[in-house]
PDB file of N, CA and C in Angstrom:
ATOM      1  N   MET A   1     -50.275  -4.336  14.002  1.00  0.00           N
ATOM      2  CA  MET A   1     -49.577  -4.218  13.218  1.00  0.00           C
ATOM      3  C   MET A   1     -49.604  -6.410  13.408  1.00  0.00           C
ATOM      4  N   SER A   2     -49.246  -6.950  12.531  1.00  0.00           N
ATOM      5  CA  SER A   2     -49.022  -7.999  12.818  1.00  0.00           C
ATOM      6  C   SER A   2     -47.911  -8.740  12.750  1.00  0.00           C
ATOM      7  N   ILE A   3     -47.362  -9.421  13.876  1.00  0.00           N
ATOM      8  CA  ILE A   3     -46.686 -10.369  14.364  1.00  0.00           C
ATOM      9  C   ILE A   3     -45.217 -10.658  12.612  1.00  0.00           C
ATOM     10  N   LEU A   4     -45.973 -10.083  12.082  1.00  0.00           N
ATOM     11  CA  LEU A   4     -45.157 -11.019   9.977  1.00  0.00           C
ATOM     12  C   LEU A   4     -44.500  -8.991  10.230  1.00  0.00           C
ATOM     13  N   GLU A   5     -45.246  -7.916   9.494  1.00  0.00           N
ATOM     14  CA  GLU A   5     -44.966  -6.412  10.141  1.00  0.00           C
ATOM     15  C   GLU A   5     -43.736  -6.958  10.417  1.00  0.00           C
ATOM     16  N   THR A   6     -44.607  -6.955  12.629  1.00  0.00           N
ATOM     17  CA  THR A   6     -42.919  -5.751  13.648  1.00  0.00           C
ATOM     18  C   THR A   6     -41.888  -6.812  13.039  1.00  0.00           C
ATOM     19  N   ILE A   7     -41.871  -8.488  12.380  1.00  0.00           N
ATOM     20  CA  ILE A   7     -40.593  -9.044  12.345  1.00  0.00           C
ATOM     21  C   ILE A   7     -39.337  -8.422  10.703  1.00  0.00           C
ATOM     22  N   LEU A   8     -40.811  -7.742   9.984  1.00  0.00           N
ATOM     23  CA  LEU A   8     -40.137  -7.742   8.946  1.00  0.00           C
ATOM     24  C   LEU A   8     -39.545  -6.543   9.597  1.00  0.00           C
ATOM     25  N   VAL A   9     -39.992  -5.192  10.137  1.00  0.00           N
ATOM     26  CA  VAL A   9     -39.038  -4.334   9.807  1.00  0.00           C
ATOM     27  C   VAL A   9     -38.131  -4.121  11.589  1.00  0.00           C
ATOM     28  N   PHE A  10     -38.547  -5.240  12.261  1.00  0.00           N
ATOM     29  CA  PHE A  10     -37.393  -5.177  13.422  1.00  0.00           C
ATOM     30  C   PHE A  10     -35.736  -5.902  12.429  1.00  0.00           C
ATOM     31  N   VAL A  11     -36.305  -6.328  12.291  1.00  0.00           N
ATOM     32  CA  VAL A  11     -35.469  -8.002  11.954  1.00  0.00           C
ATOM     33  C   VAL A  11     -35.225  -7.755  10.744  1.00  0.00           C
ATOM     34  N   ALA A  12     -36.070  -8.263   9.535  1.00  0.00           N
ATOM     35  CA  ALA A  12     -35.614  -8.975   8.663  1.00  0.00           C
ATOM     36  C   ALA A  12     -34.729  -6.918   7.343  1.00  0.00           C
ATOM     37  N   ILE A  13     -35.246  -5.773   7.825  1.00  0.00           N
ATOM     38  CA  ILE A  13     -35.268  -5.351   7.147  1.00  0.00           C
ATOM     39  C   ILE A  13     -33.005  -4.337   7.937  1.00  0.00           C
ATOM     40  N   PRO A  14     -33.259  -4.435   8.867  1.00  0.00           N
ATOM     41  CA  PRO A  14     -31.891  -4.790   9.470  1.00  0.00           C
ATOM     42  C   PRO A  14     -31.623  -5.242   9.377  1.00  0.00           C
ATOM     43  N   LEU A  15     -31.795  -6.407   8.890  1.00  0.00           N
ATOM     44  CA  LEU A  15     -30.728  -7.002   8.478  1.00  0.00           C
ATOM     45  C   LEU A  15     -30.404  -7.503   6.891  1.00  0.00           C
ATOM     46  N   ALA A  16     -30.843  -6.568   6.455  1.00  0.00           N
ATOM     47  CA  ALA A  16     -30.199  -6.686   5.111  1.00  0.00           C
ATOM     48  C   ALA A  16     -29.793  -5.384   5.131  1.00  0.00           C
ATOM     49  N   VAL A  17     -29.283  -4.312   6.009  1.00  0.00           N
ATOM     50  CA  VAL A  17     -28.644  -3.271   5.012  1.00  0.00           C
ATOM     51  C   VAL A  17     -26.963  -3.926   6.615  1.00  0.00           C
ATOM     52  N   PHE A  18     -27.051  -4.778   7.025  1.00  0.00           N
ATOM     53  CA  PHE A  18     -26.858  -4.968   7.660  1.00  0.00           C
ATOM     54  C   PHE A  18     -25.079  -5.614   6.367  1.00  0.00           C
ATOM     55  N   VAL A  19     -26.007  -6.531   5.694  1.00  0.00           N
ATOM     56  CA  VAL A  19     -24.964  -7.614   5.346  1.00  0.00           C
ATOM     57  C   VAL A  19     -25.242  -6.588   3.565  1.00  0.00           C
ATOM     58  N   PHE A  20     -26.090  -5.782   3.817  1.00  0.00           N
ATOM     59  CA  PHE A  20     -25.484  -4.787   2.519  1.00  0.00           C
ATOM     60  C   PHE A  20     -24.578  -4.701   2.664  1.00  0.00           C
ATOM     61  N   PHE A  21     -24.242  -3.376   3.876  1.00  0.00           N
ATOM     62  CA  PHE A  21     -23.471  -2.504   4.055  1.00  0.00           C
ATOM     63  C   PHE A  21     -21.958  -3.457   4.806  1.00  0.00           C
ATOM     64  N   ALA A  22     -22.191  -5.103   4.600  1.00  0.00           N
ATOM     65  CA  ALA A  22     -20.767  -5.891   5.054  1.00  0.00           C
ATOM     66  C   ALA A  22     -20.491  -6.691   4.040  1.00  0.00           C
ATOM     67  N   LEU A  23     -21.248  -6.457   2.839  1.00  0.00           N
ATOM     68  CA  LEU A  23     -20.896  -7.356   1.453  1.00  0.00           C
ATOM     69  C   LEU A  23     -19.984  -5.864   0.581  1.00  0.00           C
ATOM     70  N   VAL A  24     -20.714  -5.032   1.184  1.00  0.00           N
ATOM     71  CA  VAL A  24     -19.435  -3.550  -0.042  1.00  0.00           C
ATOM     72  C   VAL A  24     -18.373  -4.250   1.223  1.00  0.00           C
ATOM     73  N   THR A  25     -18.253  -3.335   1.863  1.00  0.00           N
ATOM     74  CA  THR A  25     -16.651  -3.263   2.268  1.00  0.00           C
ATOM     75  C   THR A  25     -16.634  -4.302   2.403  1.00  0.00           C
ATOM     76  N   LEU A  26     -16.577  -5.985   2.528  1.00  0.00           N
ATOM     77  CA  LEU A  26     -15.324  -7.070   2.037  1.00  0.00           C
ATOM     78  C   LEU A  26     -15.570  -7.331   0.802  1.00  0.00           C
ATOM     79  N   ARG A  27     -16.407  -6.649  -0.268  1.00  0.00           N
ATOM     80  CA  ARG A  27     -16.529  -6.812  -1.366  1.00  0.00           C
ATOM     81  C   ARG A  27     -14.862  -6.816  -2.110  1.00  0.00           C
ATOM     82  N   SER A  28     -13.837  -5.850  -2.310  1.00  0.00           N
ATOM     83  CA  SER A  28     -12.612  -5.873  -2.488  1.00  0.00           C
ATOM     84  C   SER A  28     -12.044  -6.445  -2.114  1.00  0.00           C
ATOM     85  N   LYS A  29     -12.034  -7.174  -0.791  1.00  0.00           N
ATOM     86  CA  LYS A  29     -10.732  -8.353   0.090  1.00  0.00           C
ATOM     87  C   LYS A  29     -11.346 -10.149  -0.579  1.00  0.00           C
ATOM     88  N   PHE A  30     -12.153 -10.206  -1.138  1.00  0.00           N
ATOM     89  CA  PHE A  30     -12.831 -11.359  -2.171  1.00  0.00           C
ATOM     90  C   PHE A  30     -12.258 -10.904  -3.774  1.00  0.00           C
ATOM     91  N   ALA A  31     -12.196 -10.158  -3.953  1.00  0.00           N
ATOM     92  CA  ALA A  31     -11.812  -9.604  -5.113  1.00  0.00           C
ATOM     93  C   ALA A  31     -10.680  -9.588  -5.175  1.00  0.00           C
ATOM     94  N   SER A  32     -10.347  -9.308  -5.052  1.00  0.00           N
ATOM     95  CA  SER A  32      -8.542  -9.196  -5.394  1.00  0.00           C
ATOM     96  C   SER A  32      -7.713 -10.488  -5.063  1.00  0.00           C
ATOM     97  N   ARG A  33      -6.109 -10.337  -6.157  1.00  0.00           N
ATOM     98  CA  ARG A  33      -5.493 -11.632  -5.677  1.00  0.00           C
ATOM     99  C   ARG A  33      -4.284 -11.964  -4.647  1.00  0.00           C
ATOM    100  N   PRO A  34      -4.651 -12.272  -3.756  1.00  0.00           N
ATOM    101  CA  PRO A  34      -4.071 -13.186  -2.769  1.00  0.00           C
ATOM    102  C   PRO A  34      -2.790 -11.851  -2.458  1.00  0.00           C
ATOM    103  N   ARG A  35      -2.616 -11.217  -1.191  1.00  0.00           N
ATOM    104  CA  ARG A  35      -1.482 -10.852  -0.618  1.00  0.00           C
ATOM    105  C   ARG A  35       0.360 -11.046   0.128  1.00  0.00           C
ATOM    106  N   TYR A  36       1.128 -10.525  -0.658  1.00  0.00           N
ATOM    107  CA  TYR A  36       2.275 -11.160   0.088  1.00  0.00           C
ATOM    108  C   TYR A  36       2.608 -10.503   1.415  1.00  0.00           C
ATOM    109  N   ARG A  37       2.987 -12.144   1.790  1.00  0.00           N
ATOM    110  CA  ARG A  37       3.712 -11.973   3.609  1.00  0.00           C
ATOM    111  C   ARG A  37       5.082 -12.814   3.776  1.00  0.00           C
ATOM    112  N   PRO A  38       5.905 -11.924   4.293  1.00  0.00           N
ATOM    113  CA  PRO A  38       6.579 -12.201   4.242  1.00  0.00           C
ATOM    114  C   PRO A  38       7.062 -13.753   4.408  1.00  0.00           C
ATOM    115  N   GLY A  39       8.786 -13.858   3.786  1.00  0.00           N
ATOM    116  CA  GLY A  39       8.815 -15.678   3.973  1.00  0.00           C
ATOM    117  C   GLY A  39       8.607 -15.889   2.094  1.00  0.00           C
ATOM    118  N   GLN A  40       7.019 -15.677   1.912  1.00  0.00           N
ATOM    119  CA  GLN A  40       6.932 -16.126   0.218  1.00  0.00           C
ATOM    120  C   GLN A  40       7.572 -15.508  -0.489  1.00  0.00           C
ATOM    121  N   ALA A  41       7.903 -17.147  -1.405  1.00  0.00           N
ATOM    122  CA  ALA A  41       8.760 -15.840  -2.683  1.00  0.00           C
ATOM    123  C   ALA A  41       8.256 -14.952  -3.461  1.00  0.00           C
ATOM    124  N   TRP A  42       8.974 -14.308  -3.847  1.00  0.00           N
ATOM    125  CA  TRP A  42       8.842 -13.375  -4.633  1.00  0.00           C
ATOM    126  C   TRP A  42       9.068 -14.022  -6.261  1.00  0.00           C
ATOM    127  N   ASP A  43       8.081 -13.300  -7.309  1.00  0.00           N
ATOM    128  CA  ASP A  43       8.208 -14.770  -7.949  1.00  0.00           C
ATOM    129  C   ASP A  43       7.910 -13.476  -9.075  1.00  0.00           C
ATOM    130  N   TYR A  44       8.038 -11.785  -8.644  1.00  0.00           N
ATOM    131  CA  TYR A  44       8.256 -10.516  -9.579  1.00  0.00           C
ATOM    132  C   TYR A  44       9.259 -10.283  -9.871  1.00  0.00           C
ATOM    133  N   PRO A  45       9.512  -9.019 -11.345  1.00  0.00           N
ATOM    134  CA  PRO A  45      10.528  -8.543 -11.531  1.00  0.00           C
ATOM    135  C   PRO A  45      10.685  -7.676 -10.027  1.00  0.00           C
ATOM    136  N   PRO A  46      12.334  -6.859  -9.950  1.00  0.00           N
ATOM    137  CA  PRO A  46      12.258  -5.379  -9.017  1.00  0.00           C
ATOM    138  C   PRO A  46      11.824  -4.537  -9.691  1.00  0.00           C
ATOM    139  N   VAL A  47      11.858  -3.230  -9.510  1.00  0.00           N
ATOM    140  CA  VAL A  47      11.133  -2.357  -9.699  1.00  0.00           C
ATOM    141  C   VAL A  47      12.010  -1.027  -9.004  1.00  0.00           C
ATOM    142  N   TRP A  48      12.782  -0.465 -10.021  1.00  0.00           N
ATOM    143  CA  TRP A  48      13.035   0.436  -9.092  1.00  0.00           C
ATOM    144  C   TRP A  48      12.702   2.062  -9.126  1.00  0.00           C
ATOM    145  N   TRP A  49      12.052   2.845  -7.914  1.00  0.00           N
ATOM    146  CA  TRP A  49      11.497   3.884  -8.003  1.00  0.00           C
ATOM    147  C   TRP A  49      12.066   4.625  -7.451  1.00  0.00           C
ATOM    148  N   SER A  50      11.813   5.848  -8.057  1.00  0.00           N
ATOM    149  CA  SER A  50      12.058   7.225  -7.341  1.00  0.00           C
ATOM    150  C   SER A  50      11.713   8.273  -7.529  1.00  0.00           C
ATOM    151  N   ALA A  51      11.768   8.612  -6.481  1.00  0.00           N
ATOM    152  CA  ALA A  51      11.284  10.621  -6.203  1.00  0.00           C
ATOM    153  C   ALA A  51      11.306  11.559  -7.425  1.00  0.00           C
ATOM    154  N   ASN A  52      12.735  11.300  -8.141  1.00  0.00           N
ATOM    155  CA  ASN A  52      12.908  12.252  -9.183  1.00  0.00           C
ATOM    156  C   ASN A  52      13.465  11.248 -10.981  1.00  0.00           C
ATOM    157  N   PRO A  53      12.612  11.261 -11.559  1.00  0.00           N
ATOM    158  CA  PRO A  53      13.513  10.269 -12.577  1.00  0.00           C
ATOM    159  C   PRO A  53      13.488  10.586 -13.467  1.00  0.00           C
ATOM    160  N   GLU A  54      14.113  12.433 -13.105  1.00  0.00           N
ATOM    161  CA  GLU A  54      14.664  13.121 -14.193  1.00  0.00           C
ATOM    162  C   GLU A  54      16.946  12.974 -13.378  1.00  0.00           C
ATOM    163  N   GLY A  55      16.259  13.008 -12.670  1.00  0.00           N
ATOM    164  CA  GLY A  55      17.607  13.377 -11.337  1.00  0.00           C
ATOM    165  C   GLY A  55      18.186  12.025 -10.757  1.00  0.00           C
ATOM    166  N   VAL A  56      18.209  10.654 -11.482  1.00  0.00           N
ATOM    167  CA  VAL A  56      18.519   9.472 -10.892  1.00  0.00           C
ATOM    168  C   VAL A  56      20.476   9.000 -12.071  1.00  0.00           C
ATOM    169  N   GLY A  57      21.508   8.810 -10.814  1.00  0.00           N
ATOM    170  CA  GLY A  57      22.678   8.873 -11.684  1.00  0.00           C
ATOM    171  C   GLY A  57      22.496  10.403 -12.003  1.00  0.00           C
ATOM    172  N   ARG A  58      22.838  11.711 -11.518  1.00  0.00           N
ATOM    173  CA  ARG A  58      23.327  12.864 -11.426  1.00  0.00           C
ATOM    174  C   ARG A  58      23.842  13.015 -10.192  1.00  0.00           C
ATOM    175  N   ARG A  59      24.911  13.273 -10.564  1.00  0.00           N
ATOM    176  CA  ARG A  59      26.642  13.876  -8.863  1.00  0.00           C
ATOM    177  C   ARG A  59      24.956  15.306  -8.072  1.00  0.00           C
ATOM    178  N   HIS A  60      25.405  15.999  -6.961  1.00  0.00           N
ATOM    179  CA  HIS A  60      25.203  16.495  -6.297  1.00  0.00           C
ATOM    180  C   HIS A  60      25.913  17.232  -6.404  1.00  0.00           C
ATOM    181  N   ALA A  61      25.123  18.662  -6.965  1.00  0.00           N
ATOM    182  CA  ALA A  61      26.317  19.912  -6.868  1.00  0.00           C
ATOM    183  C   ALA A  61      27.192  20.113  -6.357  1.00  0.00           C
ATOM    184  N   GLY A  62      27.182  19.802  -4.499  1.00  0.00           N
ATOM    185  CA  GLY A  62      28.327  20.128  -3.880  1.00  0.00           C
ATOM    186  C   GLY A  62      29.485  19.259  -3.762  1.00  0.00           C
ATOM    187  N   ASP A  63      29.624  17.780  -5.197  1.00  0.00           N
ATOM    188  CA  ASP A  63      30.346  16.592  -5.212  1.00  0.00           C
ATOM    189  C   ASP A  63      30.958  17.553  -6.330  1.00  0.00           C
ATOM    190  N   ALA A  64      30.550  17.923  -7.546  1.00  0.00           N
ATOM    191  CA  ALA A  64      31.641  18.646  -8.300  1.00  0.00           C
ATOM    192  C   ALA A  64      31.849  19.396  -7.997  1.00  0.00           C
ATOM    193  N   GLU A  65      31.361  20.878  -6.833  1.00  0.00           N
ATOM    194  CA  GLU A  65      32.232  21.766  -6.551  1.00  0.00           C
ATOM    195  C   GLU A  65      33.361  21.476  -6.750  1.00  0.00           C
ATOM    196  N   HIS A  66      34.010  20.462  -5.621  1.00  0.00           N
ATOM    197  CA  HIS A  66      35.151  19.839  -4.991  1.00  0.00           C
ATOM    198  C   HIS A  66      36.077  19.424  -5.714  1.00  0.00           C
ATOM    199  N   GLY A  67      35.817  18.937  -7.374  1.00  0.00           N
ATOM    200  CA  GLY A  67      35.498  18.399  -8.327  1.00  0.00           C
ATOM    201  C   GLY A  67      36.759  17.049  -7.251  1.00  0.00           C
ATOM    202  N   ASP A  68      35.668  16.262  -6.839  1.00  0.00           N
ATOM    203  CA  ASP A  68      36.261  15.336  -5.762  1.00  0.00           C
ATOM    204  C   ASP A  68      35.880  14.143  -7.079  1.00  0.00           C
ATOM    205  N   THR A  69      36.722  13.102  -7.599  1.00  0.00           N
ATOM    206  CA  THR A  69      35.405  11.706  -7.783  1.00  0.00           C
ATOM    207  C   THR A  69      35.314  10.556  -7.002  1.00  0.00           C
ATOM    208  N   ALA A  70      35.506  10.729  -5.989  1.00  0.00           N
ATOM    209  CA  ALA A  70      35.672   9.580  -5.029  1.00  0.00           C
ATOM    210  C   ALA A  70      34.424   9.536  -4.879  1.00  0.00           C
ATOM    211  N   PRO A  71      33.850   8.636  -4.481  1.00  0.00           N
ATOM    212  CA  PRO A  71      31.761   8.747  -4.342  1.00  0.00           C
ATOM    213  C   PRO A  71      31.780   9.800  -2.999  1.00  0.00           C
ATOM    214  N   SER A  72      30.775   9.904  -2.165  1.00  0.00           N
ATOM    215  CA  SER A  72      30.259  10.992  -1.369  1.00  0.00           C
ATOM    216  C   SER A  72      30.883   9.153   0.052  1.00  0.00           C
ATOM    217  N   LYS A  73      30.867  10.368   1.464  1.00  0.00           N
ATOM    218  CA  LYS A  73      30.899   9.950   2.032  1.00  0.00           C
ATOM    219  C   LYS A  73      29.210  10.327   3.042  1.00  0.00           C
ATOM    220  N   VAL A  74      28.400  10.729   2.864  1.00  0.00           N
ATOM    221  CA  VAL A  74      27.343  11.608   3.021  1.00  0.00           C
ATOM    222  C   VAL A  74      26.718   9.572   3.768  1.00  0.00           C
ATOM    223  N   ARG A  75      26.055   9.593   4.841  1.00  0.00           N
ATOM    224  CA  ARG A  75      25.370   8.290   5.091  1.00  0.00           C
ATOM    225  C   ARG A  75      24.183   8.140   5.730  1.00  0.00           C
ATOM    226  N   GLY A  76      23.503   7.705   5.671  1.00  0.00           N
ATOM    227  CA  GLY A  76      22.346   7.830   6.702  1.00  0.00           C
ATOM    228  C   GLY A  76      21.082   7.378   5.957  1.00  0.00           C
ATOM    229  N   GLY A  77      19.760   7.442   5.770  1.00  0.00           N
ATOM    230  CA  GLY A  77      18.472   7.681   5.433  1.00  0.00           C
ATOM    231  C   GLY A  77      18.373   6.053   6.359  1.00  0.00           C
ATOM    232  N   ALA A  78      17.684   5.183   4.973  1.00  0.00           N
ATOM    233  CA  ALA A  78      16.580   3.809   5.805  1.00  0.00           C
ATOM    234  C   ALA A  78      18.089   2.438   6.397  1.00  0.00           C
ATOM    235  N   SER A  79      19.017   2.596   5.247  1.00  0.00           N
ATOM    236  CA  SER A  79      19.928   1.049   5.277  1.00  0.00           C
ATOM    237  C   SER A  79      21.377   2.139   5.316  1.00  0.00           C
ATOM    238  N   GLY A  80      21.480   3.369   5.965  1.00  0.00           N
ATOM    239  CA  GLY A  80      22.492   4.065   5.774  1.00  0.00           C
ATOM    240  C   GLY A  80      23.345   3.328   7.672  1.00  0.00           C
ATOM    241  N   ASN A  81      24.027   3.632   7.543  1.00  0.00           N
ATOM    242  CA  ASN A  81      24.843   3.467   8.543  1.00  0.00           C
ATOM    243  C   ASN A  81      25.232   5.412   9.245  1.00  0.00           C
ATOM    244  N   TRP A  82      25.158   4.340  10.548  1.00  0.00           N
ATOM    245  CA  TRP A  82      24.878   5.775  11.421  1.00  0.00           C
ATOM    246  C   TRP A  82      26.024   6.904  12.210  1.00  0.00           C
TER     247      TRP A  82
END
């Protein structure tokens, strides 16, 4: 083997494979829009998400059984009081 073939086999081909996988891996990072970081202004309208959109606004069956019209005293969750 000549020195040119040796360099091609042991340097150029592995380097080409490395560059290919680097570009495939980082492709989405370069193509996407900038991410939101805490403290930045939020210029988008609010989006309400519910796992059960049909049940939004309905009262629980336990609340209706007792005839209460007062709001439920159940607390908890991500922003509740324990």
